[in-house]
Amino acid sequence: MKGVILAGGLGSRLRPLTSVTNKHLLPVYDKPMIYYPIECLVNAGIKEILIVTGGEHAGDFLKLLKNGKELGVNHLEYAYQEGEGGIADALRLAEDFADGDKICVILGDNIIEKNIRKAAGEFFTQKSGAKVLLKEVEDPQRFGVVALDENQKVIDIIEKPADPPSNLAVTGIYFYDADVFDMCNSLEPSARGELEITDVNNFYLKRGDLSYEILEGWWTDAGTFESLHRASKYVAESGANHAD
């Protein structure tokens, strides 16, 4: 299985910090933000990684990470996303890198306490489809949220619902088979002009091969000043080796 980290975007909610650097290069406690998703993949045994980035600071990733060897990466590639086309648009750039393999996709500002080894192992043996990692949150209106039936089976995923059907948010960690690229290429832009990853996940749900797991430990994004501070606080309190 290969890993894809999506680290593009303008980081507009973190200006003026992102006027001089990419959001994913900002510090989270004692390390650059991008280190955390890389370590998450490496800890799960995924050591072939593609970073999709964009904007005028894209070259800084190469300056910081080089070939990734210092972080335990066996093979590191980079891809450049032009414009702001959404998560699924960025993911399309990974098709050649994936080369028919299953992939684990992580949004570059997602930071977790535990690890995804169990989920990665289970998806490796899953015959086809996708797997999403869920987490209970206090503000589900900010996320893609799952609706469950009486048997705890996912029946729908709703993006940023005004009236959430549950408090289980879809985290920015996804597992996909090679069909994901056909799905991304068939999407129509949403009302906000982006190709939505929730639409991809709902494709798999309708097809009948979307699985899920509830993430253990804390999870946060780091795309706002509040969540960036929260992420640093969580990492500091849990100790340097938070991914074990």
Protein backbone atom coordinates (compact mmCIF):
# COMPACT_ATOMS: atom_id res chain seq x y z
CA MET A 1 0.00 0.00 0.00
CA LYS A 2 1.20 3.52 -0.78
CA GLY A 3 0.58 6.78 1.05
CA VAL A 4 -0.67 10.11 -0.27
CA ILE A 5 -0.52 13.31 1.79
CA LEU A 6 -2.61 16.21 0.53
CA ALA A 7 -0.85 19.41 1.56
CA GLY A 8 -2.09 22.04 -0.86
CA GLY A 9 -4.53 24.89 -0.32
CA LEU A 10 -3.97 28.54 0.45
CA GLY A 11 -4.32 28.30 4.24
CA SER A 12 -6.42 31.46 4.19
CA ARG A 13 -7.78 30.85 7.70
CA LEU A 14 -4.23 31.04 9.07
CA ARG A 15 -3.17 34.33 7.54
CA PRO A 16 -0.90 36.23 8.07
CA LEU A 17 1.17 33.14 9.01
CA THR A 18 0.54 31.58 5.62
CA SER A 19 1.56 34.73 3.75
CA VAL A 20 5.17 33.55 4.06
CA THR A 21 4.88 29.75 4.11
CA ASN A 22 2.60 26.82 3.35
CA LYS A 23 0.20 25.95 6.19
CA HIS A 24 1.61 22.43 6.45
CA LEU A 25 5.08 23.76 7.24
CA LEU A 26 3.91 25.69 10.31
CA PRO A 27 5.06 24.32 13.68
CA VAL A 28 2.87 22.02 15.74
CA TYR A 29 4.62 22.02 19.10
CA ASP A 30 8.18 20.94 18.25
CA LYS A 31 7.88 19.77 14.63
CA PRO A 32 6.59 21.05 11.29
CA MET A 33 2.97 20.04 10.71
CA ILE A 34 3.85 17.88 7.69
CA TYR A 35 5.98 15.57 9.87
CA TYR A 36 2.90 14.19 11.63
CA PRO A 37 1.09 12.65 8.64
CA ILE A 38 4.41 11.29 7.36
CA GLU A 39 5.08 9.65 10.74
CA CYS A 40 1.50 8.32 10.78
CA LEU A 41 2.06 6.52 7.47
CA VAL A 42 5.54 5.26 8.34
CA ASN A 43 4.27 3.91 11.69
CA ALA A 44 1.68 1.93 9.73
CA GLY A 45 4.39 0.42 7.52
CA ILE A 46 3.59 2.67 4.53
CA LYS A 47 6.92 4.01 3.32
CA GLU A 48 6.25 4.98 -0.30
CA ILE A 49 4.71 8.44 -0.06
CA LEU A 50 3.53 11.16 -2.42
CA ILE A 51 3.01 14.72 -1.16
CA VAL A 52 0.59 16.81 -3.22
CA THR A 53 1.10 20.52 -2.62
CA GLY A 54 0.68 23.82 -4.42
CA GLY A 55 1.09 27.56 -4.18
CA GLU A 56 4.24 29.66 -4.21
CA HIS A 57 5.90 27.90 -1.27
CA ALA A 58 5.80 24.36 -2.69
CA GLY A 59 9.57 24.23 -3.06
CA ASP A 60 9.98 24.59 0.69
CA PHE A 61 8.77 21.00 1.16
CA LEU A 62 11.74 19.72 -0.82
CA LYS A 63 14.07 21.96 1.17
CA LEU A 64 12.72 20.58 4.46
CA LEU A 65 12.05 16.92 3.67
CA LYS A 66 14.55 16.22 0.90
CA ASN A 67 14.11 12.51 0.04
CA GLY A 68 12.36 11.66 3.32
CA LYS A 69 15.02 9.23 4.55
CA GLU A 70 15.44 11.05 7.89
CA LEU A 71 11.77 10.32 8.65
CA GLY A 72 11.94 6.66 7.64
CA VAL A 73 10.48 7.08 4.14
CA ASN A 74 11.85 4.70 1.50
CA HIS A 75 10.57 6.64 -1.50
CA LEU A 76 9.20 10.21 -1.51
CA GLU A 77 7.60 11.96 -4.49
CA TYR A 78 6.00 15.36 -4.96
CA ALA A 79 3.13 16.55 -7.14
CA TYR A 80 1.91 20.10 -7.77
CA GLN A 81 -1.78 21.06 -7.69
CA GLU A 82 -2.68 24.16 -9.65
CA GLY A 83 -5.52 26.24 -8.22
CA GLU A 84 -8.06 25.32 -5.57
CA GLY A 85 -9.98 22.36 -6.96
CA GLY A 86 -10.72 20.50 -3.74
CA ILE A 87 -9.49 17.35 -2.06
CA ALA A 88 -10.67 14.97 -4.79
CA ASP A 89 -9.02 17.16 -7.43
CA ALA A 90 -5.71 16.94 -5.57
CA LEU A 91 -6.10 13.20 -5.20
CA ARG A 92 -6.36 12.79 -8.98
CA LEU A 93 -2.70 13.76 -9.23
CA ALA A 94 -1.74 10.56 -7.40
CA GLU A 95 -2.97 8.16 -10.09
CA ASP A 96 0.39 7.50 -11.73
CA PHE A 97 2.10 7.21 -8.34
CA ALA A 98 -0.47 4.69 -7.08
CA ASP A 99 -0.01 2.58 -10.23
CA GLY A 100 -2.94 0.29 -9.39
CA ASP A 101 -2.03 -0.18 -5.71
CA LYS A 102 -4.30 0.54 -2.76
CA ILE A 103 -3.58 3.88 -1.10
CA CYS A 104 -3.92 5.57 2.27
CA VAL A 105 -4.75 9.27 1.92
CA ILE A 106 -4.16 11.75 4.75
CA LEU A 107 -4.94 15.44 4.78
CA GLY A 108 -1.73 17.21 5.71
CA ASP A 109 -3.19 19.04 8.71
CA ASN A 110 -4.61 15.93 10.43
CA ILE A 111 -2.84 14.86 13.60
CA ILE A 112 -3.69 11.80 15.71
CA GLU A 113 -2.65 10.46 19.09
CA LYS A 114 -2.54 6.74 18.33
CA ASN A 115 -1.78 5.00 15.03
CA ILE A 116 -3.56 3.48 12.04
CA ARG A 117 -1.72 0.17 11.86
CA LYS A 118 -4.83 -1.90 12.59
CA ALA A 119 -6.98 -0.02 10.06
CA ALA A 120 -4.24 -0.27 7.41
CA GLY A 121 -3.88 -4.02 7.98
CA GLU A 122 -7.62 -4.59 7.74
CA PHE A 123 -7.90 -2.57 4.55
CA PHE A 124 -4.96 -4.42 3.03
CA THR A 125 -7.03 -7.61 3.28
CA GLN A 126 -10.32 -5.94 2.27
CA LYS A 127 -11.15 -7.27 -1.17
CA SER A 128 -12.15 -3.95 -2.70
CA GLY A 129 -13.57 -0.56 -1.90
CA ALA A 130 -12.73 2.11 0.65
CA LYS A 131 -12.38 2.60 4.38
CA VAL A 132 -12.92 5.79 6.37
CA LEU A 133 -11.86 6.57 9.92
CA LEU A 134 -14.49 8.25 12.10
CA LYS A 135 -14.23 10.23 15.32
CA GLU A 136 -16.82 11.66 17.71
CA VAL A 137 -16.67 15.47 17.70
CA GLU A 138 -18.47 18.27 19.50
CA ASP A 139 -18.98 20.36 16.34
CA PRO A 140 -20.03 17.91 13.59
CA GLN A 141 -21.40 20.78 11.48
CA ARG A 142 -17.81 21.51 10.42
CA PHE A 143 -17.21 18.08 8.87
CA GLY A 144 -18.52 15.30 6.71
CA VAL A 145 -20.81 13.36 9.06
CA VAL A 146 -22.11 9.79 8.80
CA ALA A 147 -25.70 8.68 9.29
CA LEU A 148 -26.01 5.19 10.78
CA ASP A 149 -28.94 2.76 10.79
CA GLU A 150 -30.05 0.67 13.77
CA ASN A 151 -27.32 -1.88 12.97
CA GLN A 152 -24.59 0.79 13.08
CA LYS A 153 -24.16 0.57 9.33
CA VAL A 154 -23.35 3.75 7.41
CA ILE A 155 -26.27 4.75 5.19
CA ASP A 156 -25.17 8.26 4.18
CA ILE A 157 -22.35 10.80 4.49
CA ILE A 158 -23.40 14.44 4.58
CA GLU A 159 -20.95 17.30 4.10
CA LYS A 160 -21.17 20.04 6.76
CA PRO A 161 -24.81 19.34 7.72
CA ALA A 162 -26.85 22.05 9.45
CA ASP A 163 -28.65 19.30 11.37
CA PRO A 164 -26.10 16.49 11.83
CA PRO A 165 -27.52 12.93 11.94
CA SER A 166 -24.73 11.93 14.37
CA ASN A 167 -21.61 13.34 15.99
CA LEU A 168 -19.35 10.97 14.06
CA ALA A 169 -17.17 12.98 11.71
CA VAL A 170 -15.18 11.54 8.84
CA THR A 171 -11.56 12.33 9.64
CA GLY A 172 -9.09 13.28 6.96
CA ILE A 173 -7.70 9.74 6.77
CA TYR A 174 -9.03 7.52 3.97
CA PHE A 175 -8.16 4.18 2.36
CA TYR A 176 -9.02 3.53 -1.30
CA ASP A 177 -8.63 0.92 -3.99
CA ALA A 178 -7.55 1.87 -7.51
CA ASP A 179 -11.13 2.69 -8.56
CA VAL A 180 -10.91 5.98 -6.65
CA PHE A 181 -9.31 7.72 -9.61
CA ASP A 182 -12.16 6.87 -11.98
CA MET A 183 -14.54 8.20 -9.34
CA CYS A 184 -12.59 11.44 -8.91
CA ASN A 185 -12.47 11.96 -12.66
CA SER A 186 -16.24 11.48 -12.95
CA LEU A 187 -17.16 14.07 -10.29
CA GLU A 188 -18.91 17.33 -10.97
CA PRO A 189 -17.86 20.40 -8.93
CA SER A 190 -19.98 21.15 -5.87
CA ALA A 191 -21.71 24.45 -5.16
CA ARG A 192 -18.42 25.82 -3.86
CA GLY A 193 -16.66 24.85 -7.09
CA GLU A 194 -14.66 21.94 -5.73
CA LEU A 195 -14.49 18.18 -6.27
CA GLU A 196 -15.65 16.85 -2.90
CA ILE A 197 -14.12 13.83 -1.19
CA THR A 198 -17.51 13.19 0.46
CA ASP A 199 -18.93 12.49 -3.01
CA VAL A 200 -16.17 9.91 -3.55
CA ASN A 201 -16.96 8.23 -0.24
CA ASN A 202 -20.66 8.15 -1.07
CA PHE A 203 -19.86 6.46 -4.40
CA TYR A 204 -18.24 3.62 -2.47
CA LEU A 205 -21.12 3.59 0.01
CA LYS A 206 -23.66 3.17 -2.80
CA ARG A 207 -21.47 0.47 -4.34
CA GLY A 208 -21.57 -1.41 -1.06
CA ASP A 209 -17.88 -1.69 -0.19
CA LEU A 210 -17.24 1.21 2.18
CA SER A 211 -16.07 0.12 5.65
CA TYR A 212 -15.29 2.25 8.67
CA GLU A 213 -13.46 2.23 11.96
CA ILE A 214 -13.69 4.63 14.89
CA LEU A 215 -10.32 6.20 15.60
CA GLU A 216 -8.89 5.70 19.07
CA GLY A 217 -7.30 8.55 21.01
CA TRP A 218 -7.54 12.19 20.13
CA TRP A 219 -7.68 13.59 16.61
CA THR A 220 -7.63 17.14 15.34
CA ASP A 221 -7.04 19.12 12.22
CA ALA A 222 -4.82 22.19 12.42
CA GLY A 223 -6.31 24.49 9.81
CA THR A 224 -7.47 27.33 12.09
CA PHE A 225 -5.73 29.26 14.86
CA GLU A 226 -7.88 27.44 17.41
CA SER A 227 -7.18 23.96 16.06
CA LEU A 228 -3.48 24.73 15.47
CA HIS A 229 -3.19 25.71 19.13
CA ARG A 230 -5.20 22.63 20.17
CA ALA A 231 -2.95 20.34 18.13
CA SER A 232 0.20 21.76 19.75
CA LYS A 233 -1.38 21.39 23.19
CA TYR A 234 -2.38 17.77 22.54
CA VAL A 235 1.08 16.83 21.25
CA ALA A 236 2.84 18.56 24.15
CA GLU A 237 0.64 16.87 26.73
CA SER A 238 0.89 13.40 25.19
CA GLY A 239 4.69 13.42 24.92
CA ALA A 240 7.03 13.41 21.97
CA ASN A 241 6.27 9.82 20.95
CA HIS A 242 2.52 10.44 20.55
CA ALA A 243 2.07 8.14 17.54
CA ASP A 244 2.73 4.86 19.40
